């Protein structure tokens, strides 16, 4: 129960992004839709263990239950180290079986060497871009006009479908920004 109570903070901790109705997005909101994206694309990546990708999507921001969200354009190695320690602290509360499995999954995600980790990371970036496109333009910082055009392009480039989805998100960004630059 203590572990679940700690994860509840993902519902309380907000991200830099806003929803289409002008509410600040929670960390849990982002993780949920990211996992749904992976679920809906399960059959689109033959040979990839998409159930593993879904698990990555569900757990990737657990550290933010403790640390809160730091926008990608502000996050540095120090922030990442604090978040990694937060994840270790959370996982230490779990039984060894779950702790070992999840520790290995976090290490795989961090290394970005497996296809599954790269798919998860690309989807993570893509979801953030989509959310920004859905948010009111007034909620964007000036630097996000260019960031939304470039964020996740490299991560999405390895898989044709992800590249296509990223291109569609860019089209939405350009439509949103049309006449504002």
Protein backbone atom coordinates (compact mmCIF):
# COMPACT_ATOMS: atom_id res chain seq x y z
CA UNK A 1 0.00 0.00 0.00
CA UNK A 2 2.81 2.41 0.83
CA UNK A 3 4.25 1.94 -2.67
CA UNK A 4 0.88 2.64 -4.29
CA UNK A 5 0.43 5.72 -2.12
CA UNK A 6 3.79 6.99 -3.32
CA UNK A 7 2.88 6.37 -6.97
CA UNK A 8 -0.33 8.34 -6.45
CA UNK A 9 1.86 11.45 -6.55
CA UNK A 10 2.10 10.89 -10.31
CA UNK A 11 -1.53 12.02 -10.41
CA UNK A 12 -0.71 15.10 -8.32
CA UNK A 13 2.59 16.15 -9.89
CA UNK A 14 2.08 18.23 -12.99
CA UNK A 15 4.12 18.44 -16.16
CA UNK A 16 5.03 21.48 -18.13
CA UNK A 17 2.35 20.55 -20.71
CA UNK A 18 -1.28 21.59 -20.72
CA UNK A 19 -4.36 19.71 -21.90
CA UNK A 20 -6.70 20.91 -24.62
CA UNK A 21 -9.12 22.31 -22.04
CA UNK A 22 -6.42 24.38 -20.35
CA UNK A 23 -5.67 22.08 -17.39
CA UNK A 24 -2.07 21.35 -16.55
CA UNK A 25 -1.21 17.77 -17.48
CA UNK A 26 -0.19 15.36 -14.71
CA UNK A 27 2.69 12.90 -14.94
CA UNK A 28 0.09 10.11 -14.75
CA UNK A 29 -1.86 11.62 -17.67
CA UNK A 30 1.25 11.47 -19.84
CA UNK A 31 2.20 7.91 -18.79
CA UNK A 32 -1.32 6.64 -19.37
CA UNK A 33 -1.60 7.96 -22.91
CA UNK A 34 1.92 6.83 -23.71
CA UNK A 35 1.01 3.27 -22.66
CA UNK A 36 -2.20 3.46 -24.73
CA UNK A 37 -0.16 4.52 -27.76
CA UNK A 38 2.07 1.46 -27.33
CA UNK A 39 -0.97 -0.76 -26.86
CA UNK A 40 -2.63 0.51 -30.03
CA UNK A 41 0.59 0.05 -32.01
CA UNK A 42 1.26 -3.48 -30.69
CA UNK A 43 0.90 -5.15 -34.08
CA UNK A 44 2.85 -2.46 -35.94
CA UNK A 45 6.33 -3.58 -34.82
CA UNK A 46 6.83 -7.23 -35.83
CA UNK A 47 9.52 -8.88 -33.76
CA UNK A 48 9.36 -6.32 -30.97
CA UNK A 49 8.07 -7.32 -27.53
CA UNK A 50 5.39 -4.65 -27.30
CA UNK A 51 4.18 -5.88 -23.92
CA UNK A 52 7.65 -4.95 -22.69
CA UNK A 53 7.31 -1.54 -24.35
CA UNK A 54 3.94 -1.03 -22.62
CA UNK A 55 5.57 -1.84 -19.26
CA UNK A 56 8.32 0.68 -20.02
CA UNK A 57 5.72 3.32 -20.84
CA UNK A 58 3.87 2.67 -17.59
CA UNK A 59 6.93 2.92 -15.34
CA UNK A 60 9.21 5.38 -17.15
CA UNK A 61 8.29 8.40 -15.00
CA UNK A 62 7.96 6.69 -11.61
CA UNK A 63 10.85 8.78 -10.31
CA UNK A 64 8.75 11.88 -10.92
CA UNK A 65 6.33 10.68 -8.25
CA UNK A 66 9.13 11.70 -5.87
CA UNK A 67 10.99 14.45 -7.73
CA UNK A 68 8.21 16.08 -9.73
CA UNK A 69 8.59 16.82 -13.43
CA UNK A 70 11.44 18.81 -14.88
CA UNK A 71 10.86 19.77 -18.54
CA UNK A 72 13.24 18.07 -20.98
CA UNK A 73 14.68 21.42 -22.03
CA UNK A 74 15.74 22.09 -18.42
CA UNK A 75 16.75 18.60 -17.28
CA UNK A 76 20.46 17.97 -16.76
CA UNK A 77 22.61 15.07 -15.54
CA UNK A 78 22.14 16.14 -11.92
CA UNK A 79 18.37 15.98 -12.28
CA UNK A 80 18.62 12.58 -13.96
CA UNK A 81 20.79 11.27 -11.10
CA UNK A 82 18.28 12.48 -8.49
CA UNK A 83 15.46 10.84 -10.43
CA UNK A 84 17.44 7.57 -10.70
CA UNK A 85 17.93 7.57 -6.92
CA UNK A 86 14.21 8.20 -6.48
CA UNK A 87 13.43 5.17 -8.63
CA UNK A 88 15.89 3.06 -6.60
CA UNK A 89 14.16 4.21 -3.42
CA UNK A 90 10.74 3.33 -4.77
CA UNK A 91 11.84 -0.07 -6.05
CA UNK A 92 13.54 -0.90 -2.75
CA UNK A 93 10.06 -1.09 -1.19
CA UNK A 94 9.00 -3.92 -3.49
CA UNK A 95 9.53 -7.65 -3.05
CA UNK A 96 12.75 -8.93 -4.63
CA UNK A 97 11.04 -10.56 -7.63
CA UNK A 98 9.35 -7.34 -8.76
CA UNK A 99 12.31 -5.19 -7.73
CA UNK A 100 14.75 -7.25 -9.82
CA UNK A 101 12.52 -7.29 -12.89
CA UNK A 102 11.77 -3.57 -12.74
CA UNK A 103 15.39 -2.62 -12.00
CA UNK A 104 16.43 -4.51 -15.13
CA UNK A 105 13.69 -2.81 -17.13
CA UNK A 106 14.81 0.66 -15.98
CA UNK A 107 18.42 -0.23 -16.88
CA UNK A 108 17.30 -1.36 -20.35
CA UNK A 109 15.37 1.88 -20.82
CA UNK A 110 18.35 3.97 -19.75
CA UNK A 111 20.76 2.12 -22.05
CA UNK A 112 18.48 2.54 -25.10
CA UNK A 113 20.19 -0.43 -26.74
CA UNK A 114 17.18 -2.68 -27.28
CA UNK A 115 14.62 -2.07 -29.97
CA UNK A 116 11.92 -2.02 -27.30
CA UNK A 117 13.68 0.73 -25.34
CA UNK A 118 14.13 2.79 -28.48
CA UNK A 119 10.44 2.38 -29.40
CA UNK A 120 9.38 3.42 -25.89
CA UNK A 121 11.65 6.50 -26.00
CA UNK A 122 10.39 7.54 -29.43
CA UNK A 123 6.77 7.18 -28.30
CA UNK A 124 7.57 9.17 -25.14
CA UNK A 125 8.90 12.06 -27.23
CA UNK A 126 6.05 11.78 -29.72
CA UNK A 127 3.38 11.88 -27.00
CA UNK A 128 4.84 15.10 -25.63
CA UNK A 129 4.74 16.74 -29.07
CA UNK A 130 1.15 15.61 -29.63
CA UNK A 131 0.15 16.99 -26.22
CA UNK A 132 1.74 20.34 -26.99
CA UNK A 133 -0.17 20.44 -30.27
CA UNK A 134 -3.39 19.89 -28.33
CA UNK A 135 -2.62 22.55 -25.72
CA UNK A 136 -3.59 26.18 -26.14
CA UNK A 137 -0.82 28.07 -27.92
CA UNK A 138 -0.79 30.60 -25.07
CA UNK A 139 0.61 27.86 -22.81
CA UNK A 140 3.72 27.45 -25.01
CA UNK A 141 7.00 29.09 -24.09
CA UNK A 142 8.72 30.86 -27.02
CA UNK A 143 11.42 28.15 -27.20
CA UNK A 144 8.74 25.48 -27.63
CA UNK A 145 7.86 26.73 -31.10
CA UNK A 146 11.14 25.31 -32.41
CA UNK A 147 11.30 22.47 -29.87
CA UNK A 148 7.94 21.10 -31.01
CA UNK A 149 9.29 21.03 -34.55
CA UNK A 150 12.41 19.04 -33.63
CA UNK A 151 11.73 17.12 -30.40
CA UNK A 152 11.87 13.37 -30.93
CA UNK A 153 12.79 13.52 -34.62
CA UNK A 154 15.98 11.52 -34.07
CA UNK A 155 14.31 8.98 -31.77
CA UNK A 156 11.50 8.41 -34.28
CA UNK A 157 13.78 8.13 -37.31
CA UNK A 158 14.69 4.44 -36.84
CA UNK A 159 11.19 3.04 -37.35
CA UNK A 160 9.21 3.95 -40.50
CA UNK A 161 5.86 4.11 -38.68
CA UNK A 162 7.24 6.31 -35.92
CA UNK A 163 8.87 8.56 -38.51
CA UNK A 164 5.50 8.85 -40.28
CA UNK A 165 3.69 9.66 -37.00
CA UNK A 166 6.33 12.26 -36.14
CA UNK A 167 5.85 13.84 -39.57
CA UNK A 168 2.09 14.02 -38.93
CA UNK A 169 2.74 15.66 -35.56
CA UNK A 170 5.01 18.18 -37.28
CA UNK A 171 2.23 19.00 -39.75
CA UNK A 172 -0.06 19.67 -36.79
CA UNK A 173 2.60 21.87 -35.18
CA UNK A 174 3.03 23.88 -38.38
CA UNK A 175 -0.76 24.31 -38.71
CA UNK A 176 -0.96 25.49 -35.10
CA UNK A 177 1.88 27.96 -35.58
CA UNK A 178 0.79 29.18 -39.00
CA UNK A 179 0.84 32.95 -39.05
CA UNK A 180 2.33 33.29 -35.56
CA UNK A 181 6.10 33.22 -36.28
